[in-house]
């Protein structure tokens, strides 16, 4: 099977300029076949081996960042993608490459939807960073367009591909009996919210990194949410002049009777020994799983550098005999999974439905978006009521009737106002 997959990248920040660029450099060097065995897709390796990949363009908000990303890619591959920049650079990019196969979206969270929809309108497959979007109505619009066009929308949910998480899903989740409750946390450094990102006031730590854990719990148990409550705090970033959330805590109750607490912040001090602090645990009727993703067992220290821990499982470079470097890890695996599905559609003629088990789908992402959407609304109301001394009494519920807010503080306005329907399609 011979052919070419043309990829363009929108967004070259922390993930786009690192994980995506290094992954596409791998693909341009050796193709897709080398990464399929890690995904259990090695039976496709011979078919996919002749397929070539080319990163044709990189688009960012500013010209310097776009040109810098292209230069970095050229240093790795001797190939320079074309640079685009502006407020909506994906539109120029799509016009310039009418034969584009895949648009990778690594923009700020609130800009995912317009880029994804533009790509689907042009008949282009999509690889997007999490969350797919921030609003359930947008998620449905993306799903409708993807189905109409028979195009892949793959979401980078790389925690699914962590070897520890694969072991939990395939074996340990069953051995601990029926799930009762769990906790999942991911705490980002203060640098992310004060320096790396310029859009923290338009997002929050749960919307930004919580989707990884929400998706992982879905991947483990495939149980839908039935209710949710959420609270958040604004103190540390306010000292830096930012009207942004320091931390958000969300509790989700599931149809299988399990309750999971998700804790996220982006205010961890710079001298913390790891890039992030993260882990999760699940208690069942017959056992418990604990997984610490921050400390994987490798620790080092040196004069002036303090004590550090590193996660070599997510992304690491492997030297090739010619002196260049390949990049491997579960951070790459998630992107490879989406591209494998796109190749099946383009070269084999398969449908979205037949490859749905291969990659993190838009349908899976819709459930995560529902939880993000509801958590944002519940958190804001509970924050207001806590300041008024009324307690954090607001919750959300999900089901066949859609998504509703339950707000006891509105009881004085009439019983029908206590439950507010905010989304009317089944969750």
Protein backbone atom coordinates (compact mmCIF):
# COMPACT_ATOMS: atom_id res chain seq x y z
CA UNK A 1 0.00 0.00 0.00
CA UNK A 2 1.69 3.18 -1.16
CA UNK A 3 0.56 6.72 -0.51
CA UNK A 4 1.20 10.01 1.23
CA UNK A 5 -0.38 11.55 4.31
CA UNK A 6 -0.04 15.33 4.45
CA UNK A 7 -0.24 16.78 7.97
CA UNK A 8 -0.47 20.39 9.12
CA UNK A 9 -0.09 21.58 12.71
CA UNK A 10 -1.99 24.49 14.23
CA UNK A 11 -0.44 25.65 17.49
CA UNK A 12 3.22 25.23 18.43
CA UNK A 13 3.21 25.92 22.14
CA UNK A 14 4.03 23.52 24.97
CA UNK A 15 2.54 20.41 23.30
CA UNK A 16 2.38 21.43 19.66
CA UNK A 17 5.97 22.65 19.55
CA UNK A 18 7.30 19.61 21.39
CA UNK A 19 5.26 16.39 21.30
CA UNK A 20 3.55 16.96 17.96
CA UNK A 21 6.62 18.20 16.12
CA UNK A 22 8.79 15.35 17.39
CA UNK A 23 6.12 12.80 16.52
CA UNK A 24 5.76 14.08 12.95
CA UNK A 25 9.53 14.14 12.58
CA UNK A 26 9.49 10.43 13.50
CA UNK A 27 6.81 9.75 10.92
CA UNK A 28 8.63 11.69 8.21
CA UNK A 29 11.76 9.67 8.94
CA UNK A 30 10.37 6.13 9.23
CA UNK A 31 6.61 6.11 8.69
CA UNK A 32 3.86 4.69 10.86
CA UNK A 33 4.73 0.99 11.01
CA UNK A 34 7.43 1.38 13.68
CA UNK A 35 4.93 2.61 16.27
CA UNK A 36 2.07 0.16 15.72
CA UNK A 37 3.30 -2.72 17.89
CA UNK A 38 3.00 -0.60 21.05
CA UNK A 39 -0.71 -0.20 20.24
CA UNK A 40 -1.41 -3.84 19.44
CA UNK A 41 -1.82 -2.88 15.77
CA UNK A 42 1.26 -4.69 14.50
CA UNK A 43 -0.86 -6.75 12.07
CA UNK A 44 -1.17 -3.54 10.02
CA UNK A 45 2.55 -2.83 9.96
CA UNK A 46 3.31 -4.46 6.60
CA UNK A 47 0.39 -2.71 4.92
CA UNK A 48 1.27 0.68 6.35
CA UNK A 49 5.06 0.48 5.95
CA UNK A 50 5.16 2.11 2.46
CA UNK A 51 2.95 5.06 3.48
CA UNK A 52 4.91 8.31 3.65
CA UNK A 53 4.15 11.24 5.93
CA UNK A 54 4.92 14.91 5.38
CA UNK A 55 4.39 17.86 7.71
CA UNK A 56 3.52 20.49 5.12
CA UNK A 57 2.69 23.46 7.36
CA UNK A 58 2.79 24.92 10.85
CA UNK A 59 0.40 27.72 11.86
CA UNK A 60 0.51 29.85 15.01
CA UNK A 61 -0.72 33.24 16.17
CA UNK A 62 2.60 35.02 15.61
CA UNK A 63 5.07 34.92 12.75
CA UNK A 64 8.15 34.33 14.95
CA UNK A 65 6.63 31.29 16.67
CA UNK A 66 5.52 29.76 13.35
CA UNK A 67 8.91 30.29 11.72
CA UNK A 68 10.74 29.02 14.80
CA UNK A 69 8.68 25.79 14.81
CA UNK A 70 9.38 25.27 11.11
CA UNK A 71 13.09 25.80 11.73
CA UNK A 72 13.08 23.27 14.55
CA UNK A 73 11.41 20.72 12.32
CA UNK A 74 13.91 21.37 9.57
CA UNK A 75 16.77 20.79 12.01
CA UNK A 76 15.34 17.35 12.77
CA UNK A 77 14.35 16.29 9.25
CA UNK A 78 16.04 18.59 6.70
CA UNK A 79 12.50 19.47 5.59
CA UNK A 80 10.95 22.88 6.26
CA UNK A 81 7.15 23.12 6.51
CA UNK A 82 5.46 26.29 5.32
CA UNK A 83 4.72 28.83 8.05
CA UNK A 84 1.33 30.51 8.60
CA UNK A 85 0.32 33.00 11.27
CA UNK A 86 -2.57 35.21 12.35
CA UNK A 87 -5.80 35.11 14.34
CA UNK A 88 -7.28 32.23 12.30
CA UNK A 89 -4.27 30.81 10.46
CA UNK A 90 -5.93 27.43 9.91
CA UNK A 91 -8.19 29.03 7.30
CA UNK A 92 -5.24 30.21 5.21
CA UNK A 93 -3.55 26.87 5.68
CA UNK A 94 -6.58 24.87 4.52
CA UNK A 95 -6.92 27.08 1.44
CA UNK A 96 -3.23 26.66 0.61
CA UNK A 97 -3.38 22.84 0.90
CA UNK A 98 -6.69 21.61 -0.55
CA UNK A 99 -5.28 18.05 -0.54
CA UNK A 100 -4.41 18.10 3.17
CA UNK A 101 -5.15 14.81 4.96
CA UNK A 102 -4.82 15.64 8.67
CA UNK A 103 -5.00 18.85 10.68
CA UNK A 104 -3.40 18.58 14.13
CA UNK A 105 -4.94 21.09 16.55
CA UNK A 106 -2.82 22.19 19.51
CA UNK A 107 -4.25 25.68 19.99
CA UNK A 108 -5.47 27.08 23.33
CA UNK A 109 -8.52 25.13 24.56
CA UNK A 110 -11.16 27.70 23.58
CA UNK A 111 -9.89 27.77 19.97
CA UNK A 112 -10.19 24.04 19.27
CA UNK A 113 -13.73 24.14 17.89
CA UNK A 114 -13.31 26.65 15.02
CA UNK A 115 -10.16 24.90 13.76
CA UNK A 116 -11.75 21.44 14.02
CA UNK A 117 -14.93 22.49 12.23
CA UNK A 118 -12.98 24.25 9.47
CA UNK A 119 -10.93 21.09 8.89
CA UNK A 120 -14.00 18.85 8.78
CA UNK A 121 -15.76 21.24 6.41
CA UNK A 122 -12.76 20.84 4.08
CA UNK A 123 -12.92 17.04 4.38
CA UNK A 124 -9.76 16.80 6.50
CA UNK A 125 -9.17 14.36 9.38
CA UNK A 126 -8.38 15.88 12.79
CA UNK A 127 -5.97 15.13 15.62
CA UNK A 128 -6.78 17.47 18.50
CA UNK A 129 -5.38 18.06 21.93
CA UNK A 130 -7.72 17.57 24.86
CA UNK A 131 -10.31 18.74 25.60
CA UNK A 132 -11.96 18.36 22.19
CA UNK A 133 -13.97 21.47 23.10
CA UNK A 134 -15.47 23.15 26.16
CA UNK A 135 -19.19 23.12 25.35
CA UNK A 136 -21.54 20.18 24.76
CA UNK A 137 -23.33 21.93 21.89
CA UNK A 138 -19.99 22.36 20.14
CA UNK A 139 -19.20 18.69 20.71
CA UNK A 140 -22.43 17.70 18.97
CA UNK A 141 -21.65 20.00 16.06
CA UNK A 142 -18.22 18.40 15.68
CA UNK A 143 -19.72 14.90 15.83
CA UNK A 144 -22.37 15.72 13.25
CA UNK A 145 -19.82 17.14 10.82
CA UNK A 146 -17.40 14.21 11.34
CA UNK A 147 -20.15 11.68 10.62
CA UNK A 148 -21.33 13.56 7.55
CA UNK A 149 -17.80 13.69 6.14
CA UNK A 150 -16.71 10.24 7.38
CA UNK A 151 -13.67 11.84 8.93
CA UNK A 152 -11.67 10.91 12.01
CA UNK A 153 -11.61 13.28 14.98
CA UNK A 154 -9.01 11.74 17.29
CA UNK A 155 -8.41 13.32 20.71
CA UNK A 156 -4.98 13.11 22.32
CA UNK A 157 -5.85 11.15 25.45
CA UNK A 158 -2.36 9.80 25.98
CA UNK A 159 -2.92 8.58 29.53
CA UNK A 160 -4.83 5.66 28.02
CA UNK A 161 -1.52 4.46 26.57
CA UNK A 162 0.59 4.68 29.72
CA UNK A 163 1.77 1.07 30.29
CA UNK A 164 0.67 1.23 33.93
CA UNK A 165 -2.81 2.33 32.90
CA UNK A 166 -3.03 -0.41 30.28
CA UNK A 167 -2.24 -2.94 33.01
CA UNK A 168 -4.96 -1.46 35.21
CA UNK A 169 -7.53 -1.52 32.42
CA UNK A 170 -6.73 -5.00 31.10
CA UNK A 171 -6.27 -6.78 34.42
CA UNK A 172 -6.27 -4.93 37.72
CA UNK A 173 -9.59 -3.08 37.38
CA UNK A 174 -11.31 -6.49 37.31
CA UNK A 175 -9.30 -7.97 40.16
CA UNK A 176 -10.31 -5.30 42.70
CA UNK A 177 -14.01 -6.14 42.35
CA UNK A 178 -16.78 -3.61 41.84
CA UNK A 179 -15.44 -0.04 41.90
CA UNK A 180 -16.55 2.01 44.90
CA UNK A 181 -14.67 5.29 44.82
CA UNK A 182 -11.52 6.90 43.52
CA UNK A 183 -9.34 9.98 43.43
CA UNK A 184 -7.38 11.40 40.49
CA UNK A 185 -5.13 14.45 40.67
CA UNK A 186 -2.90 16.40 38.32
CA UNK A 187 -1.16 19.50 39.60
CA UNK A 188 0.65 21.73 37.11
CA UNK A 189 3.48 24.18 37.90
CA UNK A 190 2.75 27.85 38.53
CA UNK A 191 4.80 28.70 35.45
CA UNK A 192 2.07 27.23 33.23
CA UNK A 193 -0.60 29.61 34.46
CA UNK A 194 1.56 32.72 34.84
CA UNK A 195 4.05 32.49 31.95
CA UNK A 196 3.50 29.61 29.52
CA UNK A 197 -0.17 30.27 28.77
CA UNK A 198 -1.69 33.67 28.12
CA UNK A 199 -5.27 32.37 28.24
CA UNK A 200 -5.69 31.07 31.80
CA UNK A 201 -8.56 33.49 32.47
CA UNK A 202 -10.49 31.75 29.68
CA UNK A 203 -9.99 28.27 31.12
CA UNK A 204 -9.33 26.52 34.43
CA UNK A 205 -7.11 23.67 35.64
CA UNK A 206 -9.90 21.06 35.52
CA UNK A 207 -10.90 21.93 31.95
CA UNK A 208 -7.23 21.94 30.95
CA UNK A 209 -5.88 18.70 32.49
CA UNK A 210 -8.91 17.07 34.11
CA UNK A 211 -10.04 15.56 30.78
CA UNK A 212 -7.13 13.11 30.92
CA UNK A 213 -8.43 11.53 34.11
CA UNK A 214 -12.10 11.74 33.16
CA UNK A 215 -11.32 9.91 29.92
CA UNK A 216 -9.17 7.35 31.73
CA UNK A 217 -11.98 6.47 34.16
CA UNK A 218 -14.33 6.08 31.18
CA UNK A 219 -11.72 3.92 29.44
CA UNK A 220 -11.44 1.68 32.52
CA UNK A 221 -15.13 1.14 33.29
CA UNK A 222 -17.30 2.54 30.44
CA UNK A 223 -19.84 3.81 32.96
CA UNK A 224 -21.65 7.08 32.25
CA UNK A 225 -21.91 9.98 34.70
CA UNK A 226 -25.20 10.51 36.52
CA UNK A 227 -24.39 13.50 38.75
CA UNK A 228 -21.65 15.99 39.58
CA UNK A 229 -20.68 18.72 41.98
CA UNK A 230 -17.75 21.12 41.80
CA UNK A 231 -15.98 23.91 43.68
CA UNK A 232 -12.98 26.11 42.90
CA UNK A 233 -10.67 28.66 44.49
CA UNK A 234 -9.22 32.00 43.37
CA UNK A 235 -6.42 33.21 45.65
CA UNK A 236 -2.86 32.60 44.44
CA UNK A 237 -3.28 33.81 40.84
CA UNK A 238 -5.21 36.83 42.07
CA UNK A 239 -1.94 37.94 43.70
CA UNK A 240 -0.44 37.97 40.21
CA UNK A 241 -3.29 40.14 38.90
CA UNK A 242 -5.11 37.26 37.18
CA UNK A 243 -8.82 36.62 37.47
CA UNK A 244 -8.27 32.90 37.12
CA UNK A 245 -8.88 29.70 39.04
CA UNK A 246 -6.05 28.38 41.19
CA UNK A 247 -7.63 24.98 41.66
CA UNK A 248 -10.85 23.10 40.96
CA UNK A 249 -12.25 19.99 42.64
CA UNK A 250 -14.96 17.95 40.92
CA UNK A 251 -16.82 14.89 42.20
CA UNK A 252 -18.52 12.73 39.59
CA UNK A 253 -20.95 9.92 40.43
CA UNK A 254 -21.34 7.15 37.88
CA UNK A 255 -24.07 4.76 36.81
CA UNK A 256 -22.11 1.80 38.22
CA UNK A 257 -22.29 3.33 41.72
CA UNK A 258 -18.71 4.61 41.73
CA UNK A 259 -17.81 8.13 42.90
CA UNK A 260 -14.56 9.76 41.76
CA UNK A 261 -12.96 12.99 42.97
CA UNK A 262 -10.86 14.92 40.43
CA UNK A 263 -8.42 17.48 41.86
CA UNK A 264 -6.47 19.87 39.62
CA UNK A 265 -4.39 23.01 40.07
CA UNK A 266 -1.77 24.98 38.18
CA UNK A 267 -0.03 26.73 41.09
CA UNK A 268 2.59 24.13 42.14
CA UNK A 269 5.81 25.98 43.15
CA UNK A 270 8.70 25.96 40.70
CA UNK A 271 11.03 24.06 43.03
CA UNK A 272 8.79 20.99 43.16
CA UNK A 273 10.96 18.05 42.10
CA UNK A 274 8.83 16.83 39.17
CA UNK A 275 7.40 18.44 36.01
CA UNK A 276 3.91 17.86 37.47
CA UNK A 277 2.40 16.03 40.42
CA UNK A 278 -0.07 13.37 39.34
CA UNK A 279 -1.60 10.05 40.29
CA UNK A 280 -4.83 8.19 40.96
CA UNK A 281 -6.30 5.42 43.07
CA UNK A 282 -9.42 3.28 42.83
CA UNK A 283 -10.99 1.33 45.68
CA UNK A 284 -13.11 -1.70 44.88
CA UNK A 285 -15.09 -4.27 46.84
CA UNK A 286 -12.11 -6.66 46.77
CA UNK A 287 -9.04 -4.52 46.50
CA UNK A 288 -7.40 -1.23 45.56
CA UNK A 289 -5.18 0.17 42.80
CA UNK A 290 -2.74 3.00 43.49
CA UNK A 291 -0.76 4.56 40.64
CA UNK A 292 1.74 7.38 41.15
CA UNK A 293 2.51 8.95 37.78
CA UNK A 294 4.82 11.59 39.22
CA UNK A 295 7.45 9.36 40.77
CA UNK A 296 8.25 6.45 38.44
CA UNK A 297 11.32 5.31 40.36
CA UNK A 298 13.97 7.45 38.63
CA UNK A 299 15.38 10.20 40.84
CA UNK A 300 18.56 12.27 40.45
CA UNK A 301 20.17 15.27 42.03
CA UNK A 302 23.14 17.48 41.28
CA UNK A 303 24.81 20.52 42.70
CA UNK A 304 22.59 23.53 42.05
CA UNK A 305 19.78 21.50 40.53
CA UNK A 306 18.12 20.06 43.61
CA UNK A 307 16.48 16.65 43.64
CA UNK A 308 14.50 15.82 40.50
CA UNK A 309 12.21 13.06 39.28
CA UNK A 310 11.46 12.37 35.62
CA UNK A 311 8.88 10.42 33.64
CA UNK A 312 10.79 8.68 30.86
CA UNK A 313 7.69 6.70 29.87
CA UNK A 314 5.83 9.69 28.42
CA UNK A 315 8.45 10.87 25.93
CA UNK A 316 12.09 9.98 25.46
CA UNK A 317 14.59 10.24 22.64
CA UNK A 318 16.40 7.18 21.34
CA UNK A 319 19.60 7.64 19.30
CA UNK A 320 19.67 6.13 15.83
CA UNK A 321 22.89 4.70 14.32
CA UNK A 322 23.15 7.73 12.02
CA UNK A 323 23.23 10.09 14.99
CA UNK A 324 19.66 11.40 14.64
CA UNK A 325 17.11 10.72 17.34
CA UNK A 326 13.78 8.94 17.37
CA UNK A 327 11.12 9.88 19.89
CA UNK A 328 9.07 7.19 21.66
CA UNK A 329 6.64 6.94 24.55
CA UNK A 330 2.95 6.92 25.31
CA UNK A 331 2.79 10.61 24.38
CA UNK A 332 3.57 9.55 20.81
CA UNK A 333 1.29 6.49 20.92
CA UNK A 334 -1.91 8.50 21.24
CA UNK A 335 -1.15 10.50 18.08
CA UNK A 336 -0.11 7.37 16.18
CA UNK A 337 -3.43 5.73 17.08
CA UNK A 338 -5.41 8.58 15.49
CA UNK A 339 -3.24 8.57 12.39
CA UNK A 340 -3.62 4.80 12.04
CA UNK A 341 -7.40 5.24 11.99
CA UNK A 342 -7.13 8.01 9.38
CA UNK A 343 -4.95 5.76 7.21
CA UNK A 344 -7.53 2.97 7.38
CA UNK A 345 -10.20 5.38 6.19
CA UNK A 346 -8.10 6.88 3.39
CA UNK A 347 -6.34 3.81 2.03
CA UNK A 348 -8.63 0.91 2.97
CA UNK A 349 -11.95 2.74 2.59
CA UNK A 350 -13.16 1.92 6.09
CA UNK A 351 -15.77 3.98 7.91
CA UNK A 352 -15.45 5.84 11.19
CA UNK A 353 -17.56 3.11 12.82
CA UNK A 354 -15.26 0.25 11.82
CA UNK A 355 -12.13 1.89 13.26
CA UNK A 356 -13.77 3.32 16.39
CA UNK A 357 -11.96 0.88 18.68
CA UNK A 358 -8.53 1.98 17.49
CA UNK A 359 -8.25 5.52 18.91
CA UNK A 360 -9.82 7.97 21.42
CA UNK A 361 -12.92 9.04 19.48
CA UNK A 362 -15.02 12.18 19.39
CA UNK A 363 -17.87 10.11 20.80
CA UNK A 364 -15.73 9.32 23.87
CA UNK A 365 -14.70 12.97 24.07
CA UNK A 366 -18.36 14.07 24.12
CA UNK A 367 -18.79 12.49 27.57
CA UNK A 368 -15.71 14.27 28.83
CA UNK A 369 -16.98 17.57 27.41
CA UNK A 370 -20.33 17.04 29.16
CA UNK A 371 -18.53 16.74 32.51
CA UNK A 372 -16.31 19.78 31.80
CA UNK A 373 -19.31 21.85 30.71
CA UNK A 374 -21.39 20.96 33.77
CA UNK A 375 -18.47 21.36 36.18
CA UNK A 376 -17.82 24.88 34.94
CA UNK A 377 -21.43 25.96 35.54
CA UNK A 378 -21.70 24.24 38.94
CA UNK A 379 -18.33 25.57 40.08
CA UNK A 380 -19.24 29.16 39.23
CA UNK A 381 -22.54 29.04 41.11
CA UNK A 382 -21.02 27.32 44.13
CA UNK A 383 -18.22 29.89 44.22
CA UNK A 384 -20.82 32.66 44.29
CA UNK A 385 -22.91 30.97 46.98
CA UNK A 386 -19.89 30.21 49.16
CA UNK A 387 -18.98 33.90 49.12
CA UNK A 388 -22.57 34.67 50.16
CA UNK A 389 -22.42 32.17 53.02
CA UNK A 390 -24.96 29.81 51.44
CA UNK A 391 -22.69 26.79 51.00
CA UNK A 392 -21.76 24.79 47.91
CA UNK A 393 -25.21 23.31 47.29
CA UNK A 394 -25.44 23.25 43.47
CA UNK A 395 -25.03 20.02 41.51
CA UNK A 396 -25.63 18.71 38.01
CA UNK A 397 -27.30 15.56 36.82
CA UNK A 398 -27.05 13.63 33.56
CA UNK A 399 -29.26 11.11 31.83
CA UNK A 400 -31.59 10.33 28.96
CA UNK A 401 -33.30 13.68 29.51
CA UNK A 402 -30.05 15.56 29.04
CA UNK A 403 -28.09 17.68 31.50
CA UNK A 404 -29.62 19.78 34.30
CA UNK A 405 -28.48 22.04 37.13
CA UNK A 406 -30.00 21.49 40.57
CA UNK A 407 -29.89 24.74 42.54
CA UNK A 408 -31.69 24.68 45.93
CA UNK A 409 -30.94 28.37 46.41
CA UNK A 410 -33.59 29.13 43.78
CA UNK A 411 -36.37 27.37 45.70
CA UNK A 412 -37.93 30.69 46.62
CA UNK A 413 -38.54 31.39 42.93
CA UNK A 414 -40.78 28.35 42.55
CA UNK A 415 -40.04 24.64 42.57
CA UNK A 416 -39.79 24.49 38.78
CA UNK A 417 -36.81 26.87 38.92
CA UNK A 418 -34.75 24.60 41.20
CA UNK A 419 -33.98 22.23 38.31
CA UNK A 420 -32.73 24.06 35.22
CA UNK A 421 -32.46 22.08 32.00
CA UNK A 422 -29.30 23.29 30.26
CA UNK A 423 -29.00 20.59 27.61
CA UNK A 424 -31.81 18.49 26.20
CA UNK A 425 -30.17 15.59 24.33
CA UNK A 426 -29.27 12.28 26.05
CA UNK A 427 -25.86 12.08 27.71
